[in-house]
Amino acid sequence: MYKVKNKFKENYHDGHIYNPGEVYPAKDYKLVKSRAEELAMTHPKYGVTFLEAVEEKLPNSTSEKGKNTVRKGKETLEKSDV
């Protein structure tokens, strides 16, 4: 999951405007990991990053040992591993 850091217009999402704090991609669009990674890097022209990767918390999820878990990308990690 990605969070918007700086306002930008996503040309690959029909010109959708993303504002700081919003989740990327918007619910009507699929995540293209390579595009998200590109937007998370410092833009050469503007000198800012537009996205940051954030951990996805799994609702009411516990592992076998009863520890809380979080989702990072496609991986599920125990809270103690984070």
PDB file of N, CA and C in Angstrom:
ATOM      1  N   MET A   1       0.854  -1.165   0.000  1.00  0.00           N
ATOM      2  CA  MET A   1       0.000   0.000   0.000  1.00  0.00           C
ATOM      3  C   MET A   1       0.904   1.234   0.000  1.00  0.00           C
ATOM      4  N   TYR A   2       0.453   2.272  -0.639  1.00  0.00           N
ATOM      5  CA  TYR A   2       1.222   3.504  -0.739  1.00  0.00           C
ATOM      6  C   TYR A   2       0.377   4.683  -0.270  1.00  0.00           C
ATOM      7  N   LYS A   3       1.056   5.661   0.312  1.00  0.00           N
ATOM      8  CA  LYS A   3       0.408   6.887   0.760  1.00  0.00           C
ATOM      9  C   LYS A   3       1.009   8.045  -0.026  1.00  0.00           C
ATOM     10  N   VAL A   4       0.160   8.989  -0.418  1.00  0.00           N
ATOM     11  CA  VAL A   4       0.601  10.146  -1.185  1.00  0.00           C
ATOM     12  C   VAL A   4       1.306  11.143  -0.257  1.00  0.00           C
ATOM     13  N   LYS A   5       2.499  11.550  -0.668  1.00  0.00           N
ATOM     14  CA  LYS A   5       3.274  12.530   0.104  1.00  0.00           C
ATOM     15  C   LYS A   5       3.120  13.942  -0.452  1.00  0.00           C
ATOM     16  N   ASN A   6       3.071  14.054  -1.763  1.00  0.00           N
ATOM     17  CA  ASN A   6       2.964  15.353  -2.428  1.00  0.00           C
ATOM     18  C   ASN A   6       1.900  15.274  -3.514  1.00  0.00           C
ATOM     19  N   LYS A   7       1.144  16.346  -3.679  1.00  0.00           N
ATOM     20  CA  LYS A   7       0.062  16.394  -4.658  1.00  0.00           C
ATOM     21  C   LYS A   7       0.614  16.181  -6.064  1.00  0.00           C
ATOM     22  N   PHE A   8      -0.095  15.345  -6.836  1.00  0.00           N
ATOM     23  CA  PHE A   8       0.285  15.142  -8.231  1.00  0.00           C
ATOM     24  C   PHE A   8      -0.907  14.658  -9.050  1.00  0.00           C
ATOM     25  N   LYS A   9      -0.772  14.818 -10.351  1.00  0.00           N
ATOM     26  CA  LYS A   9      -1.772  14.348 -11.305  1.00  0.00           C
ATOM     27  C   LYS A   9      -1.233  13.065 -11.926  1.00  0.00           C
ATOM     28  N   GLU A  10      -1.977  11.969 -11.780  1.00  0.00           N
ATOM     29  CA  GLU A  10      -1.540  10.671 -12.308  1.00  0.00           C
ATOM     30  C   GLU A  10      -2.079  10.497 -13.722  1.00  0.00           C
ATOM     31  N   ASN A  11      -1.201  10.630 -14.689  1.00  0.00           N
ATOM     32  CA  ASN A  11      -1.607  10.520 -16.096  1.00  0.00           C
ATOM     33  C   ASN A  11      -2.073   9.121 -16.458  1.00  0.00           C
ATOM     34  N   TYR A  12      -1.632   8.107 -15.709  1.00  0.00           N
ATOM     35  CA  TYR A  12      -2.050   6.733 -15.982  1.00  0.00           C
ATOM     36  C   TYR A  12      -3.385   6.393 -15.333  1.00  0.00           C
ATOM     37  N   HIS A  13      -3.956   7.311 -14.583  1.00  0.00           N
ATOM     38  CA  HIS A  13      -5.267   7.109 -13.948  1.00  0.00           C
ATOM     39  C   HIS A  13      -6.240   8.178 -14.427  1.00  0.00           C
ATOM     40  N   ASP A  14      -6.269   8.386 -15.717  1.00  0.00           N
ATOM     41  CA  ASP A  14      -7.194   9.339 -16.340  1.00  0.00           C
ATOM     42  C   ASP A  14      -7.074  10.742 -15.749  1.00  0.00           C
ATOM     43  N   GLY A  15      -5.862  11.147 -15.374  1.00  0.00           N
ATOM     44  CA  GLY A  15      -5.654  12.485 -14.846  1.00  0.00           C
ATOM     45  C   GLY A  15      -6.111  12.681 -13.411  1.00  0.00           C
ATOM     46  N   HIS A  16      -6.306  11.579 -12.679  1.00  0.00           N
ATOM     47  CA  HIS A  16      -6.751  11.660 -11.276  1.00  0.00           C
ATOM     48  C   HIS A  16      -5.761  12.495 -10.463  1.00  0.00           C
ATOM     49  N   ILE A  17      -6.273  13.409  -9.657  1.00  0.00           N
ATOM     50  CA  ILE A  17      -5.436  14.231  -8.782  1.00  0.00           C
ATOM     51  C   ILE A  17      -5.340  13.536  -7.422  1.00  0.00           C
ATOM     52  N   TYR A  18      -4.115  13.274  -6.988  1.00  0.00           N
ATOM     53  CA  TYR A  18      -3.859  12.682  -5.675  1.00  0.00           C
ATOM     54  C   TYR A  18      -3.351  13.765  -4.740  1.00  0.00           C
ATOM     55  N   ASN A  19      -3.931  13.817  -3.539  1.00  0.00           N
ATOM     56  CA  ASN A  19      -3.544  14.797  -2.531  1.00  0.00           C
ATOM     57  C   ASN A  19      -2.820  14.113  -1.379  1.00  0.00           C
ATOM     58  N   PRO A  20      -1.948  14.850  -0.673  1.00  0.00           N
ATOM     59  CA  PRO A  20      -1.205  14.263   0.449  1.00  0.00           C
ATOM     60  C   PRO A  20      -2.134  13.574   1.454  1.00  0.00           C
ATOM     61  N   GLY A  21      -1.697  12.383   1.896  1.00  0.00           N
ATOM     62  CA  GLY A  21      -2.459  11.611   2.872  1.00  0.00           C
ATOM     63  C   GLY A  21      -3.400  10.590   2.261  1.00  0.00           C
ATOM     64  N   GLU A  22      -3.692  10.707   0.974  1.00  0.00           N
ATOM     65  CA  GLU A  22      -4.587   9.750   0.319  1.00  0.00           C
ATOM     66  C   GLU A  22      -3.862   8.439   0.055  1.00  0.00           C
ATOM     67  N   VAL A  23      -4.646   7.400  -0.143  1.00  0.00           N
ATOM     68  CA  VAL A  23      -4.105   6.085  -0.486  1.00  0.00           C
ATOM     69  C   VAL A  23      -3.940   6.011  -1.998  1.00  0.00           C
ATOM     70  N   TYR A  24      -2.832   5.421  -2.426  1.00  0.00           N
ATOM     71  CA  TYR A  24      -2.565   5.211  -3.858  1.00  0.00           C
ATOM     72  C   TYR A  24      -2.500   3.719  -4.108  1.00  0.00           C
ATOM     73  N   PRO A  25      -3.172   3.207  -5.100  1.00  0.00           N
ATOM     74  CA  PRO A  25      -4.024   3.884  -6.060  1.00  0.00           C
ATOM     75  C   PRO A  25      -5.427   4.094  -5.506  1.00  0.00           C
ATOM     76  N   ALA A  26      -6.172   4.993  -6.137  1.00  0.00           N
ATOM     77  CA  ALA A  26      -7.570   5.210  -5.771  1.00  0.00           C
ATOM     78  C   ALA A  26      -8.336   3.912  -6.017  1.00  0.00           C
ATOM     79  N   LYS A  27      -9.469   3.750  -5.357  1.00  0.00           N
ATOM     80  CA  LYS A  27     -10.179   2.468  -5.388  1.00  0.00           C
ATOM     81  C   LYS A  27     -10.605   2.000  -6.780  1.00  0.00           C
ATOM     82  N   ASP A  28     -10.709   2.870  -7.737  1.00  0.00           N
ATOM     83  CA  ASP A  28     -11.116   2.478  -9.092  1.00  0.00           C
ATOM     84  C   ASP A  28      -9.951   2.020  -9.969  1.00  0.00           C
ATOM     85  N   TYR A  29      -8.728   2.036  -9.419  1.00  0.00           N
ATOM     86  CA  TYR A  29      -7.551   1.714 -10.213  1.00  0.00           C
ATOM     87  C   TYR A  29      -6.734   0.602  -9.570  1.00  0.00           C
ATOM     88  N   LYS A  30      -6.053  -0.170 -10.429  1.00  0.00           N
ATOM     89  CA  LYS A  30      -5.191  -1.251  -9.945  1.00  0.00           C
ATOM     90  C   LYS A  30      -3.785  -0.731  -9.685  1.00  0.00           C
ATOM     91  N   LEU A  31      -3.122  -1.330  -8.717  1.00  0.00           N
ATOM     92  CA  LEU A  31      -1.745  -0.971  -8.405  1.00  0.00           C
ATOM     93  C   LEU A  31      -0.808  -1.590  -9.429  1.00  0.00           C
ATOM     94  N   VAL A  32      -0.004  -0.758 -10.052  1.00  0.00           N
ATOM     95  CA  VAL A  32       1.075  -1.216 -10.916  1.00  0.00           C
ATOM     96  C   VAL A  32       2.350  -0.930 -10.125  1.00  0.00           C
ATOM     97  N   LYS A  33       2.933  -1.998  -9.587  1.00  0.00           N
ATOM     98  CA  LYS A  33       4.046  -1.852  -8.659  1.00  0.00           C
ATOM     99  C   LYS A  33       5.203  -1.035  -9.239  1.00  0.00           C
ATOM    100  N   SER A  34       5.543  -1.260 -10.502  1.00  0.00           N
ATOM    101  CA  SER A  34       6.653  -0.522 -11.096  1.00  0.00           C
ATOM    102  C   SER A  34       6.363   0.982 -11.139  1.00  0.00           C
ATOM    103  N   ARG A  35       5.105   1.347 -11.383  1.00  0.00           N
ATOM    104  CA  ARG A  35       4.725   2.768 -11.409  1.00  0.00           C
ATOM    105  C   ARG A  35       4.791   3.356  -9.995  1.00  0.00           C
ATOM    106  N   ALA A  36       4.292   2.621  -9.017  1.00  0.00           N
ATOM    107  CA  ALA A  36       4.323   3.095  -7.636  1.00  0.00           C
ATOM    108  C   ALA A  36       5.763   3.270  -7.163  1.00  0.00           C
ATOM    109  N   GLU A  37       6.626   2.334  -7.515  1.00  0.00           N
ATOM    110  CA  GLU A  37       8.033   2.433  -7.129  1.00  0.00           C
ATOM    111  C   GLU A  37       8.683   3.651  -7.787  1.00  0.00           C
ATOM    112  N   GLU A  38       8.306   3.934  -9.028  1.00  0.00           N
ATOM    113  CA  GLU A  38       8.826   5.111  -9.731  1.00  0.00           C
ATOM    114  C   GLU A  38       8.394   6.397  -9.019  1.00  0.00           C
ATOM    115  N   LEU A  39       7.134   6.446  -8.601  1.00  0.00           N
ATOM    116  CA  LEU A  39       6.623   7.634  -7.912  1.00  0.00           C
ATOM    117  C   LEU A  39       7.179   7.772  -6.491  1.00  0.00           C
ATOM    118  N   ALA A  40       7.688   6.682  -5.943  1.00  0.00           N
ATOM    119  CA  ALA A  40       8.280   6.717  -4.602  1.00  0.00           C
ATOM    120  C   ALA A  40       9.740   7.170  -4.630  1.00  0.00           C
ATOM    121  N   MET A  41      10.316   7.265  -5.817  1.00  0.00           N
ATOM    122  CA  MET A  41      11.693   7.749  -5.962  1.00  0.00           C
ATOM    123  C   MET A  41      11.663   9.271  -6.179  1.00  0.00           C
ATOM    124  N   THR A  42      12.761   9.917  -5.884  1.00  0.00           N
ATOM    125  CA  THR A  42      12.836  11.370  -6.082  1.00  0.00           C
ATOM    126  C   THR A  42      12.726  11.690  -7.569  1.00  0.00           C
ATOM    127  N   HIS A  43      11.764  12.546  -7.893  1.00  0.00           N
ATOM    128  CA  HIS A  43      11.537  12.934  -9.284  1.00  0.00           C
ATOM    129  C   HIS A  43      12.684  13.848  -9.725  1.00  0.00           C
ATOM    130  N   PRO A  44      13.301  13.560 -10.878  1.00  0.00           N
ATOM    131  CA  PRO A  44      14.459  14.353 -11.312  1.00  0.00           C
ATOM    132  C   PRO A  44      14.143  15.819 -11.595  1.00  0.00           C
ATOM    133  N   LYS A  45      12.973  16.108 -12.084  1.00  0.00           N
ATOM    134  CA  LYS A  45      12.610  17.487 -12.426  1.00  0.00           C
ATOM    135  C   LYS A  45      12.128  18.272 -11.205  1.00  0.00           C
ATOM    136  N   TYR A  46      11.298  17.632 -10.353  1.00  0.00           N
ATOM    137  CA  TYR A  46      10.671  18.339  -9.235  1.00  0.00           C
ATOM    138  C   TYR A  46      11.416  18.176  -7.911  1.00  0.00           C
ATOM    139  N   GLY A  47      12.297  17.182  -7.811  1.00  0.00           N
ATOM    140  CA  GLY A  47      13.094  16.987  -6.607  1.00  0.00           C
ATOM    141  C   GLY A  47      12.326  16.516  -5.388  1.00  0.00           C
ATOM    142  N   VAL A  48      11.162  15.906  -5.602  1.00  0.00           N
ATOM    143  CA  VAL A  48      10.354  15.381  -4.491  1.00  0.00           C
ATOM    144  C   VAL A  48       9.912  13.957  -4.804  1.00  0.00           C
ATOM    145  N   THR A  49       9.465  13.260  -3.772  1.00  0.00           N
ATOM    146  CA  THR A  49       8.820  11.961  -3.973  1.00  0.00           C
ATOM    147  C   THR A  49       7.323  12.178  -3.842  1.00  0.00           C
ATOM    148  N   PHE A  50       6.560  11.424  -4.593  1.00  0.00           N
ATOM    149  CA  PHE A  50       5.114  11.586  -4.562  1.00  0.00           C
ATOM    150  C   PHE A  50       4.422  10.532  -3.715  1.00  0.00           C
ATOM    151  N   LEU A  51       5.074   9.387  -3.523  1.00  0.00           N
ATOM    152  CA  LEU A  51       4.484   8.303  -2.739  1.00  0.00           C
ATOM    153  C   LEU A  51       5.471   7.782  -1.717  1.00  0.00           C
ATOM    154  N   GLU A  52       4.917   7.143  -0.673  1.00  0.00           N
ATOM    155  CA  GLU A  52       5.744   6.386   0.256  1.00  0.00           C
ATOM    156  C   GLU A  52       5.037   5.077   0.547  1.00  0.00           C
ATOM    157  N   ALA A  53       5.809   4.000   0.616  1.00  0.00           N
ATOM    158  CA  ALA A  53       5.251   2.693   0.940  1.00  0.00           C
ATOM    159  C   ALA A  53       4.910   2.681   2.420  1.00  0.00           C
ATOM    160  N   VAL A  54       3.743   2.155   2.752  1.00  0.00           N
ATOM    161  CA  VAL A  54       3.326   2.039   4.145  1.00  0.00           C
ATOM    162  C   VAL A  54       2.892   0.610   4.418  1.00  0.00           C
ATOM    163  N   GLU A  55       3.035   0.207   5.666  1.00  0.00           N
ATOM    164  CA  GLU A  55       2.618  -1.138   6.056  1.00  0.00           C
ATOM    165  C   GLU A  55       1.103  -1.181   6.162  1.00  0.00           C
ATOM    166  N   GLU A  56       0.547  -2.283   5.709  1.00  0.00           N
ATOM    167  CA  GLU A  56      -0.881  -2.507   5.799  1.00  0.00           C
ATOM    168  C   GLU A  56      -1.144  -3.321   7.044  1.00  0.00           C
ATOM    169  N   LYS A  57      -1.927  -2.794   7.964  1.00  0.00           N
ATOM    170  CA  LYS A  57      -2.266  -3.552   9.163  1.00  0.00           C
ATOM    171  C   LYS A  57      -3.411  -4.492   8.831  1.00  0.00           C
ATOM    172  N   LEU A  58      -3.267  -5.742   9.247  1.00  0.00           N
ATOM    173  CA  LEU A  58      -4.319  -6.722   9.024  1.00  0.00           C
ATOM    174  C   LEU A  58      -5.323  -6.621  10.158  1.00  0.00           C
ATOM    175  N   PRO A  59      -6.598  -6.443   9.856  1.00  0.00           N
ATOM    176  CA  PRO A  59      -7.600  -6.304  10.915  1.00  0.00           C
ATOM    177  C   PRO A  59      -7.786  -7.596  11.699  1.00  0.00           C
ATOM    178  N   ASN A  60      -7.704  -7.502  13.019  1.00  0.00           N
ATOM    179  CA  ASN A  60      -7.936  -8.626  13.926  1.00  0.00           C
ATOM    180  C   ASN A  60      -7.164  -9.879  13.551  1.00  0.00           C
ATOM    181  N   SER A  61      -5.956  -9.728  13.085  1.00  0.00           N
ATOM    182  CA  SER A  61      -5.166 -10.877  12.666  1.00  0.00           C
ATOM    183  C   SER A  61      -4.079 -11.165  13.688  1.00  0.00           C
ATOM    184  N   THR A  62      -3.934 -12.433  14.031  1.00  0.00           N
ATOM    185  CA  THR A  62      -2.861 -12.851  14.927  1.00  0.00           C
ATOM    186  C   THR A  62      -2.215 -14.088  14.352  1.00  0.00           C
ATOM    187  N   SER A  63      -0.947 -14.270  14.674  1.00  0.00           N
ATOM    188  CA  SER A  63      -0.251 -15.456  14.215  1.00  0.00           C
ATOM    189  C   SER A  63      -0.517 -16.603  15.179  1.00  0.00           C
ATOM    190  N   GLU A  64       0.108 -17.742  14.920  1.00  0.00           N
ATOM    191  CA  GLU A  64      -0.078 -18.911  15.769  1.00  0.00           C
ATOM    192  C   GLU A  64       0.303 -18.632  17.215  1.00  0.00           C
ATOM    193  N   LYS A  65       1.299 -17.782  17.415  1.00  0.00           N
ATOM    194  CA  LYS A  65       1.786 -17.484  18.752  1.00  0.00           C
ATOM    195  C   LYS A  65       0.972 -16.374  19.418  1.00  0.00           C
ATOM    196  N   GLY A  66      -0.029 -15.863  18.730  1.00  0.00           N
ATOM    197  CA  GLY A  66      -0.858 -14.822  19.297  1.00  0.00           C
ATOM    198  C   GLY A  66      -0.282 -13.425  19.150  1.00  0.00           C
ATOM    199  N   LYS A  67       0.769 -13.271  18.354  1.00  0.00           N
ATOM    200  CA  LYS A  67       1.372 -11.963  18.138  1.00  0.00           C
ATOM    201  C   LYS A  67       0.610 -11.237  17.039  1.00  0.00           C
ATOM    202  N   ASN A  68       0.618  -9.928  17.113  1.00  0.00           N
ATOM    203  CA  ASN A  68       0.003  -9.126  16.056  1.00  0.00           C
ATOM    204  C   ASN A  68       0.829  -9.256  14.792  1.00  0.00           C
ATOM    205  N   THR A  69       0.179  -9.158  13.647  1.00  0.00           N
ATOM    206  CA  THR A  69       0.879  -9.224  12.377  1.00  0.00           C
ATOM    207  C   THR A  69       0.563  -7.984  11.572  1.00  0.00           C
ATOM    208  N   VAL A  70       1.465  -7.639  10.681  1.00  0.00           N
ATOM    209  CA  VAL A  70       1.253  -6.543   9.745  1.00  0.00           C
ATOM    210  C   VAL A  70       1.611  -7.027   8.363  1.00  0.00           C
ATOM    211  N   ARG A  71       1.000  -6.401   7.362  1.00  0.00           N
ATOM    212  CA  ARG A  71       1.289  -6.767   5.979  1.00  0.00           C
ATOM    213  C   ARG A  71       2.184  -5.695   5.393  1.00  0.00           C
ATOM    214  N   LYS A  72       3.286  -6.130   4.795  1.00  0.00           N
ATOM    215  CA  LYS A  72       4.204  -5.220   4.110  1.00  0.00           C
ATOM    216  C   LYS A  72       4.320  -5.733   2.693  1.00  0.00           C
ATOM    217  N   GLY A  73       3.674  -5.051   1.752  1.00  0.00           N
ATOM    218  CA  GLY A  73       3.635  -5.542   0.376  1.00  0.00           C
ATOM    219  C   GLY A  73       2.857  -6.841   0.362  1.00  0.00           C
ATOM    220  N   LYS A  74       3.467  -7.900  -0.148  1.00  0.00           N
ATOM    221  CA  LYS A  74       2.809  -9.199  -0.187  1.00  0.00           C
ATOM    222  C   LYS A  74       3.213 -10.072   0.994  1.00  0.00           C
ATOM    223  N   GLU A  75       4.138  -9.589   1.824  1.00  0.00           N
ATOM    224  CA  GLU A  75       4.624 -10.373   2.945  1.00  0.00           C
ATOM    225  C   GLU A  75       3.808 -10.080   4.195  1.00  0.00           C
ATOM    226  N   THR A  76       3.594 -11.085   5.023  1.00  0.00           N
ATOM    227  CA  THR A  76       2.981 -10.884   6.318  1.00  0.00           C
ATOM    228  C   THR A  76       4.053 -11.121   7.358  1.00  0.00           C
ATOM    229  N   LEU A  77       4.264 -10.145   8.228  1.00  0.00           N
ATOM    230  CA  LEU A  77       5.325 -10.226   9.216  1.00  0.00           C
ATOM    231  C   LEU A  77       4.726 -10.174  10.609  1.00  0.00           C
ATOM    232  N   GLU A  78       5.375 -10.843  11.553  1.00  0.00           N
ATOM    233  CA  GLU A  78       4.977 -10.707  12.918  1.00  0.00           C
ATOM    234  C   GLU A  78       5.457  -9.354  13.398  1.00  0.00           C
ATOM    235  N   LYS A  79       4.726  -8.750  14.311  1.00  0.00           N
ATOM    236  CA  LYS A  79       5.052  -7.425  14.787  1.00  0.00           C
ATOM    237  C   LYS A  79       6.478  -7.372  15.333  1.00  0.00           C
ATOM    238  N   SER A  80       6.948  -8.461  15.924  1.00  0.00           N
ATOM    239  CA  SER A  80       8.284  -8.491  16.488  1.00  0.00           C
ATOM    240  C   SER A  80       9.349  -8.426  15.401  1.00  0.00           C
ATOM    241  N   ASP A  81       9.002  -8.777  14.138  1.00  0.00           N
ATOM    242  CA  ASP A  81       9.956  -8.757  13.025  1.00  0.00           C
ATOM    243  C   ASP A  81      10.065  -7.371  12.403  1.00  0.00           C
ATOM    244  N   VAL A  82       9.127  -6.504  12.688  1.00  0.00           N
ATOM    245  CA  VAL A  82       9.051  -5.194  12.035  1.00  0.00           C
ATOM    246  C   VAL A  82       9.990  -4.217  12.672  1.00  0.00           C
TER     247      VAL A  82
END
